[in-house]
Amino acid sequence: MKISVELTLTPLHDDYEPAIIHFIKKLRASDLTVLENPLSTQVYGDYDAVMHLLTVEIKEAFQLIERGLLHMKIAKSDRQDYEPHF
């Protein structure tokens, strides 16, 4: 089953950029499709592969920050090629 996941990592302390950059670079190093924009990062792929990657990398990201939030949306479909039709 293919899924699309949108992530927004928000460390709640000063000097937050290194933690976000590290998290994104770890996601990019996977074999999955990872796209970024200024507000979020999207990961696309097989459910088991995506969820395994996120389990490992979210835990590491949380260990590297003092306090923070992670907003996540999961869609049951591969939406990486979405283009508006209007």
C-alpha atoms as a PDB file:
ATOM      1  CA  MET A   1       0.000   0.000   0.000  1.00  0.00           C
ATOM      2  CA  LYS A   2       1.370   3.413  -0.982  1.00  0.00           C
ATOM      3  CA  ILE A   3       1.142   6.412   1.320  1.00  0.00           C
ATOM      4  CA  SER A   4       1.989  10.098   1.293  1.00  0.00           C
ATOM      5  CA  VAL A   5       3.122  11.772   4.509  1.00  0.00           C
ATOM      6  CA  GLU A   6       3.478  15.484   5.198  1.00  0.00           C
ATOM      7  CA  LEU A   7       5.734  16.437   8.114  1.00  0.00           C
ATOM      8  CA  THR A   8       6.436  19.703   9.889  1.00  0.00           C
ATOM      9  CA  LEU A   9       9.065  19.531  12.637  1.00  0.00           C
ATOM     10  CA  THR A  10       8.927  22.493  15.006  1.00  0.00           C
ATOM     11  CA  PRO A  11      11.600  22.626  17.710  1.00  0.00           C
ATOM     12  CA  LEU A  12      10.466  24.937  20.516  1.00  0.00           C
ATOM     13  CA  HIS A  13      13.786  26.531  21.367  1.00  0.00           C
ATOM     14  CA  ASP A  14      16.370  28.907  19.924  1.00  0.00           C
ATOM     15  CA  ASP A  15      18.839  27.648  17.318  1.00  0.00           C
ATOM     16  CA  TYR A  16      16.264  25.309  15.786  1.00  0.00           C
ATOM     17  CA  GLU A  17      17.574  25.177  12.204  1.00  0.00           C
ATOM     18  CA  PRO A  18      20.308  22.533  12.723  1.00  0.00           C
ATOM     19  CA  ALA A  19      17.761  20.027  14.075  1.00  0.00           C
ATOM     20  CA  ILE A  20      15.413  20.562  11.126  1.00  0.00           C
ATOM     21  CA  ILE A  21      18.228  20.325   8.570  1.00  0.00           C
ATOM     22  CA  HIS A  22      19.526  17.135  10.181  1.00  0.00           C
ATOM     23  CA  PHE A  23      16.051  15.575  10.130  1.00  0.00           C
ATOM     24  CA  ILE A  24      15.498  16.431   6.449  1.00  0.00           C
ATOM     25  CA  LYS A  25      18.936  15.164   5.436  1.00  0.00           C
ATOM     26  CA  LYS A  26      18.262  11.840   7.179  1.00  0.00           C
ATOM     27  CA  LEU A  27      14.969  11.511   5.286  1.00  0.00           C
ATOM     28  CA  ARG A  28      16.689  12.384   1.985  1.00  0.00           C
ATOM     29  CA  ALA A  29      19.279   9.627   2.573  1.00  0.00           C
ATOM     30  CA  SER A  30      16.545   6.976   2.363  1.00  0.00           C
ATOM     31  CA  ASP A  31      15.447   5.240  -0.837  1.00  0.00           C
ATOM     32  CA  LEU A  32      12.058   6.937  -0.579  1.00  0.00           C
ATOM     33  CA  THR A  33      10.836   9.986  -2.470  1.00  0.00           C
ATOM     34  CA  VAL A  34      11.296  13.077  -0.277  1.00  0.00           C
ATOM     35  CA  LEU A  35      10.201  16.550  -1.359  1.00  0.00           C
ATOM     36  CA  GLU A  36      10.500  19.779   0.597  1.00  0.00           C
ATOM     37  CA  ASN A  37       8.908  23.188   0.491  1.00  0.00           C
ATOM     38  CA  PRO A  38       9.303  26.142   2.875  1.00  0.00           C
ATOM     39  CA  LEU A  39       6.557  24.871   5.210  1.00  0.00           C
ATOM     40  CA  SER A  40       6.843  21.076   5.260  1.00  0.00           C
ATOM     41  CA  THR A  41       8.520  17.923   4.003  1.00  0.00           C
ATOM     42  CA  GLN A  42       6.698  15.167   2.155  1.00  0.00           C
ATOM     43  CA  VAL A  43       7.673  11.485   2.083  1.00  0.00           C
ATOM     44  CA  TYR A  44       6.153   9.059  -0.438  1.00  0.00           C
ATOM     45  CA  GLY A  45       6.394   5.298  -0.672  1.00  0.00           C
ATOM     46  CA  ASP A  46       5.302   1.927   0.630  1.00  0.00           C
ATOM     47  CA  TYR A  47       3.542   2.095   4.009  1.00  0.00           C
ATOM     48  CA  ASP A  48       5.944  -0.231   5.837  1.00  0.00           C
ATOM     49  CA  ALA A  49       9.076   1.473   4.487  1.00  0.00           C
ATOM     50  CA  VAL A  50       7.814   4.992   5.207  1.00  0.00           C
ATOM     51  CA  MET A  51       6.598   4.188   8.705  1.00  0.00           C
ATOM     52  CA  HIS A  52       9.828   2.352   9.595  1.00  0.00           C
ATOM     53  CA  LEU A  53      11.905   5.324   8.421  1.00  0.00           C
ATOM     54  CA  LEU A  54       9.719   7.784  10.327  1.00  0.00           C
ATOM     55  CA  THR A  55       9.807   5.724  13.524  1.00  0.00           C
ATOM     56  CA  VAL A  56      13.613   5.759  13.519  1.00  0.00           C
ATOM     57  CA  GLU A  57      14.144   9.341  12.369  1.00  0.00           C
ATOM     58  CA  ILE A  58      11.454  10.987  14.504  1.00  0.00           C
ATOM     59  CA  LYS A  59      12.918   9.333  17.594  1.00  0.00           C
ATOM     60  CA  GLU A  60      16.390  10.622  16.705  1.00  0.00           C
ATOM     61  CA  ALA A  61      15.049  14.106  15.955  1.00  0.00           C
ATOM     62  CA  PHE A  62      13.297  14.232  19.322  1.00  0.00           C
ATOM     63  CA  GLN A  63      16.468  13.115  21.079  1.00  0.00           C
ATOM     64  CA  LEU A  64      18.345  16.019  19.471  1.00  0.00           C
ATOM     65  CA  ILE A  65      15.925  18.765  20.483  1.00  0.00           C
ATOM     66  CA  GLU A  66      15.022  20.086  23.910  1.00  0.00           C
ATOM     67  CA  ARG A  67      11.300  20.546  23.180  1.00  0.00           C
ATOM     68  CA  GLY A  68       9.301  20.352  20.000  1.00  0.00           C
ATOM     69  CA  LEU A  69       6.280  19.402  17.953  1.00  0.00           C
ATOM     70  CA  LEU A  70       5.907  17.211  14.909  1.00  0.00           C
ATOM     71  CA  HIS A  71       2.806  17.705  12.784  1.00  0.00           C
ATOM     72  CA  MET A  72       2.088  14.755  10.493  1.00  0.00           C
ATOM     73  CA  LYS A  73      -0.585  14.054   7.889  1.00  0.00           C
ATOM     74  CA  ILE A  74      -0.870  10.648   6.243  1.00  0.00           C
ATOM     75  CA  ALA A  75      -2.815  10.004   3.033  1.00  0.00           C
ATOM     76  CA  LYS A  76      -3.497   6.492   1.780  1.00  0.00           C
ATOM     77  CA  SER A  77      -2.291   7.097  -1.773  1.00  0.00           C
ATOM     78  CA  ASP A  78       0.825   8.220  -3.592  1.00  0.00           C
ATOM     79  CA  ARG A  79       0.191  11.931  -4.168  1.00  0.00           C
ATOM     80  CA  GLN A  80       3.685  12.944  -5.346  1.00  0.00           C
ATOM     81  CA  ASP A  81       2.502  13.631  -8.911  1.00  0.00           C
ATOM     82  CA  TYR A  82      -0.543  15.668  -7.886  1.00  0.00           C
ATOM     83  CA  GLU A  83      -1.337  18.636 -10.091  1.00  0.00           C
ATOM     84  CA  PRO A  84      -4.408  20.834  -9.629  1.00  0.00           C
ATOM     85  CA  HIS A  85      -7.009  20.458 -12.351  1.00  0.00           C
ATOM     86  CA  PHE A  86      -8.514  23.925 -12.019  1.00  0.00           C
END
